[in-house]
Amino acid sequence: MKKHYLGLIALLGITLATACKKDKDEAPPYDEAKQAAIDEQTIKDYIAANNLTGFQRDTTGFTGKSSKTAKAETPSN
């Protein structure tokens, strides 16, 4: 019975030791600028394919459509 536990512990140890080993063929690091360009083009293609109008991109990179203009109001006390 002890041999079974010893074998199981050895197998578990080998599994844990090799589980975090990285492959040489791993994906390249994430390129934020490249992904941003891909996302921007995807959004533009979607808007064009669905004949949507009135969408604008702001300085933060958000692309959206405002349904109405907000007016600043001073709260009354």
Protein backbone atom coordinates (compact mmCIF):
# COMPACT_ATOMS: atom_id res chain seq x y z
CA MET A 1 0.00 0.00 0.00
CA LYS A 2 2.88 2.34 0.82
CA LYS A 3 4.32 1.70 -2.65
CA HIS A 4 1.12 3.00 -4.22
CA TYR A 5 1.30 6.21 -2.18
CA LEU A 6 4.97 6.62 -2.98
CA GLY A 7 4.29 6.17 -6.69
CA LEU A 8 1.37 8.61 -6.55
CA ILE A 9 3.47 11.21 -4.73
CA ALA A 10 6.29 10.79 -7.27
CA LEU A 11 3.84 11.21 -10.18
CA LEU A 12 2.35 14.29 -8.55
CA GLY A 13 5.82 15.76 -8.01
CA ILE A 14 6.82 15.21 -11.64
CA THR A 15 3.55 16.73 -12.84
CA LEU A 16 3.99 19.83 -10.71
CA ALA A 17 7.63 20.23 -11.73
CA THR A 18 6.87 20.14 -15.45
CA ALA A 19 3.47 21.91 -15.49
CA CYS A 20 4.92 25.41 -15.51
CA LYS A 21 7.61 24.71 -18.05
CA LYS A 22 7.37 27.14 -20.96
CA ASP A 23 7.54 26.01 -24.56
CA LYS A 24 9.94 27.56 -27.02
CA ASP A 25 7.03 28.13 -29.40
CA GLU A 26 5.04 30.36 -27.06
CA ALA A 27 3.16 33.38 -28.40
CA PRO A 28 5.05 36.66 -28.82
CA PRO A 29 4.47 39.41 -26.23
CA TYR A 30 1.27 41.43 -26.48
CA ASP A 31 1.62 44.53 -28.67
CA GLU A 32 -0.84 47.15 -27.42
CA ALA A 33 -0.43 49.53 -30.36
CA LYS A 34 -0.94 46.76 -32.91
CA GLN A 35 -4.08 45.51 -31.12
CA ALA A 36 -5.45 49.07 -30.89
CA ALA A 37 -5.10 49.46 -34.67
CA ILE A 38 -6.85 46.12 -35.24
CA ASP A 39 -9.69 47.11 -32.89
CA GLU A 40 -10.10 50.51 -34.53
CA GLN A 41 -10.38 48.93 -37.98
CA THR A 42 -12.85 46.33 -36.70
CA ILE A 43 -15.08 49.09 -35.30
CA LYS A 44 -14.91 51.08 -38.55
CA ASP A 45 -15.73 47.97 -40.61
CA TYR A 46 -18.71 47.16 -38.37
CA ILE A 47 -20.09 50.70 -38.62
CA ALA A 48 -19.72 50.67 -42.42
CA ALA A 49 -21.16 47.15 -42.86
CA ASN A 50 -24.27 48.04 -40.86
CA ASN A 51 -24.80 51.48 -42.47
CA LEU A 52 -24.54 53.25 -39.11
CA THR A 53 -24.09 57.02 -38.98
CA GLY A 54 -23.26 59.69 -36.44
CA PHE A 55 -20.47 57.83 -34.66
CA GLN A 56 -17.43 59.79 -33.56
CA ARG A 57 -14.16 58.90 -31.89
CA ASP A 58 -13.15 61.09 -28.96
CA THR A 59 -9.71 61.90 -27.60
CA THR A 60 -9.75 58.90 -25.25
CA GLY A 61 -10.29 56.48 -28.13
CA PHE A 62 -13.97 55.85 -27.38
CA THR A 63 -16.15 55.54 -30.47
CA GLY A 64 -19.80 56.26 -29.82
CA LYS A 65 -22.94 58.09 -30.75
CA SER A 66 -24.62 60.62 -28.52
CA SER A 67 -28.39 60.51 -28.60
CA LYS A 68 -28.77 63.98 -27.11
CA THR A 69 -26.61 66.76 -25.84
CA ALA A 70 -26.34 67.04 -22.08
CA LYS A 71 -26.85 70.46 -20.55
CA ALA A 72 -25.12 71.49 -17.40
CA GLU A 73 -27.54 72.63 -14.76
CA THR A 74 -26.82 74.26 -11.46
CA PRO A 75 -28.66 72.50 -8.66
CA SER A 76 -31.01 74.73 -6.69
CA ASN A 77 -30.95 74.61 -2.90
